[in-house]
Amino acid sequence: MSTNEILIVNKIGRADGDYGCYCPHCGKPMFFSEDDLDDIRGSQYQHSRVISLMTGERCDGWLEVSADAGFSRILFDQGEE
């Protein structure tokens, strides 16, 4: 379950042509509908996703992508901060 706090994301990446990041609330990947990094950086998003099918638990956490968020061509290669 997520907190009400808007958490900052400092690294985004790409997978299968879509930009995404790891949700700072639940740790699961999430993807953005925008196709331009400039539209994603500095924006806020809600990760509305069921994270447990058995319990029906949802993430619903809010995040803000830092205006100077780093970019990795491979989403799951997040490296060291």
C-alpha atoms as a PDB file:
ATOM      1  CA  MET A   1       0.000   0.000   0.000  1.00  0.00           C
ATOM      2  CA  SER A   2       1.304   3.472  -0.851  1.00  0.00           C
ATOM      3  CA  THR A   3       1.526   6.568   1.293  1.00  0.00           C
ATOM      4  CA  ASN A   4      -0.168   9.851   0.424  1.00  0.00           C
ATOM      5  CA  GLU A   5       3.254  11.424  -0.084  1.00  0.00           C
ATOM      6  CA  ILE A   6       4.269  12.383  -3.642  1.00  0.00           C
ATOM      7  CA  LEU A   7       7.639  10.681  -4.085  1.00  0.00           C
ATOM      8  CA  ILE A   8      10.334  11.857  -6.507  1.00  0.00           C
ATOM      9  CA  VAL A   9      11.655   9.665  -9.331  1.00  0.00           C
ATOM     10  CA  ASN A  10      15.214  10.486 -10.418  1.00  0.00           C
ATOM     11  CA  LYS A  11      15.710   7.915 -13.180  1.00  0.00           C
ATOM     12  CA  ILE A  12      13.577   6.866 -16.124  1.00  0.00           C
ATOM     13  CA  GLY A  13      14.221   4.429 -18.903  1.00  0.00           C
ATOM     14  CA  ARG A  14      12.777   2.720 -21.945  1.00  0.00           C
ATOM     15  CA  ALA A  15      11.326  -0.740 -22.509  1.00  0.00           C
ATOM     16  CA  ASP A  16       9.706  -1.905 -25.742  1.00  0.00           C
ATOM     17  CA  GLY A  17       9.672   1.692 -27.015  1.00  0.00           C
ATOM     18  CA  ASP A  18       7.834   3.145 -24.005  1.00  0.00           C
ATOM     19  CA  TYR A  19       9.273   5.421 -21.317  1.00  0.00           C
ATOM     20  CA  GLY A  20       8.866   4.193 -17.766  1.00  0.00           C
ATOM     21  CA  CYS A  21      10.273   4.008 -14.260  1.00  0.00           C
ATOM     22  CA  TYR A  22      10.072   1.964 -11.118  1.00  0.00           C
ATOM     23  CA  CYS A  23       7.293   3.175  -8.836  1.00  0.00           C
ATOM     24  CA  PRO A  24       8.885   4.526  -5.625  1.00  0.00           C
ATOM     25  CA  HIS A  25       5.874   3.275  -3.634  1.00  0.00           C
ATOM     26  CA  CYS A  26       5.587  -0.376  -4.680  1.00  0.00           C
ATOM     27  CA  GLY A  27       8.804  -0.944  -6.672  1.00  0.00           C
ATOM     28  CA  LYS A  28       6.932  -2.251  -9.723  1.00  0.00           C
ATOM     29  CA  PRO A  29       7.555  -0.826 -13.210  1.00  0.00           C
ATOM     30  CA  MET A  30       5.134   1.731 -14.595  1.00  0.00           C
ATOM     31  CA  PHE A  31       4.971   3.356 -18.008  1.00  0.00           C
ATOM     32  CA  PHE A  32       4.093   6.819 -19.279  1.00  0.00           C
ATOM     33  CA  SER A  33       1.739   7.609 -22.160  1.00  0.00           C
ATOM     34  CA  GLU A  34       3.895  10.531 -23.372  1.00  0.00           C
ATOM     35  CA  ASP A  35       6.442  10.005 -26.149  1.00  0.00           C
ATOM     36  CA  ASP A  36       8.728  12.932 -25.266  1.00  0.00           C
ATOM     37  CA  LEU A  37      11.133  13.105 -22.310  1.00  0.00           C
ATOM     38  CA  ASP A  38      10.494  16.843 -21.931  1.00  0.00           C
ATOM     39  CA  ASP A  39       6.790  16.127 -21.341  1.00  0.00           C
ATOM     40  CA  ILE A  40       7.559  13.461 -18.706  1.00  0.00           C
ATOM     41  CA  ARG A  41      10.219  15.302 -16.691  1.00  0.00           C
ATOM     42  CA  GLY A  42       8.668  17.606 -14.095  1.00  0.00           C
ATOM     43  CA  SER A  43       5.238  15.920 -14.320  1.00  0.00           C
ATOM     44  CA  GLN A  44       3.226  14.070 -11.683  1.00  0.00           C
ATOM     45  CA  TYR A  45       1.625  10.658 -12.169  1.00  0.00           C
ATOM     46  CA  GLN A  46      -0.469   8.211 -10.205  1.00  0.00           C
ATOM     47  CA  HIS A  47       0.476   4.540 -10.384  1.00  0.00           C
ATOM     48  CA  SER A  48      -2.980   2.947 -10.470  1.00  0.00           C
ATOM     49  CA  ARG A  49      -2.137  -0.716 -10.535  1.00  0.00           C
ATOM     50  CA  VAL A  50      -3.240  -3.861  -8.771  1.00  0.00           C
ATOM     51  CA  ILE A  51      -0.095  -5.213  -7.112  1.00  0.00           C
ATOM     52  CA  SER A  52      -1.629  -8.340  -5.580  1.00  0.00           C
ATOM     53  CA  LEU A  53      -4.283 -10.354  -7.387  1.00  0.00           C
ATOM     54  CA  MET A  54      -4.872 -12.478  -4.298  1.00  0.00           C
ATOM     55  CA  THR A  55      -5.724  -9.551  -2.013  1.00  0.00           C
ATOM     56  CA  GLY A  56      -6.773  -6.958  -4.597  1.00  0.00           C
ATOM     57  CA  GLU A  57      -4.227  -4.533  -3.086  1.00  0.00           C
ATOM     58  CA  ARG A  58      -3.570  -1.513  -5.292  1.00  0.00           C
ATOM     59  CA  CYS A  59      -0.607   0.831  -5.390  1.00  0.00           C
ATOM     60  CA  ASP A  60      -2.332   4.156  -6.255  1.00  0.00           C
ATOM     61  CA  GLY A  61       0.852   6.026  -5.238  1.00  0.00           C
ATOM     62  CA  TRP A  62       1.652   9.465  -6.650  1.00  0.00           C
ATOM     63  CA  LEU A  63       5.075  10.332  -7.990  1.00  0.00           C
ATOM     64  CA  GLU A  64       6.786  13.275  -9.605  1.00  0.00           C
ATOM     65  CA  VAL A  65       9.474  12.784 -12.216  1.00  0.00           C
ATOM     66  CA  SER A  66      12.347  15.116 -11.394  1.00  0.00           C
ATOM     67  CA  ALA A  67      12.895  17.882 -13.969  1.00  0.00           C
ATOM     68  CA  ASP A  68      16.470  16.630 -14.362  1.00  0.00           C
ATOM     69  CA  ALA A  69      15.753  12.893 -14.070  1.00  0.00           C
ATOM     70  CA  GLY A  70      18.471  10.703 -15.534  1.00  0.00           C
ATOM     71  CA  PHE A  71      17.748   8.481 -18.536  1.00  0.00           C
ATOM     72  CA  SER A  72      18.808   4.923 -19.251  1.00  0.00           C
ATOM     73  CA  ARG A  73      18.103   3.380 -22.654  1.00  0.00           C
ATOM     74  CA  ILE A  74      17.225   0.169 -20.829  1.00  0.00           C
ATOM     75  CA  LEU A  75      14.560   0.572 -18.136  1.00  0.00           C
ATOM     76  CA  PHE A  76      15.715  -2.324 -15.981  1.00  0.00           C
ATOM     77  CA  ASP A  77      19.384  -1.225 -16.057  1.00  0.00           C
ATOM     78  CA  GLN A  78      18.994   1.423 -13.355  1.00  0.00           C
ATOM     79  CA  GLY A  79      22.601   1.344 -12.160  1.00  0.00           C
ATOM     80  CA  GLU A  80      23.928   3.274  -9.205  1.00  0.00           C
ATOM     81  CA  GLU A  81      22.472   6.666  -8.292  1.00  0.00           C
END
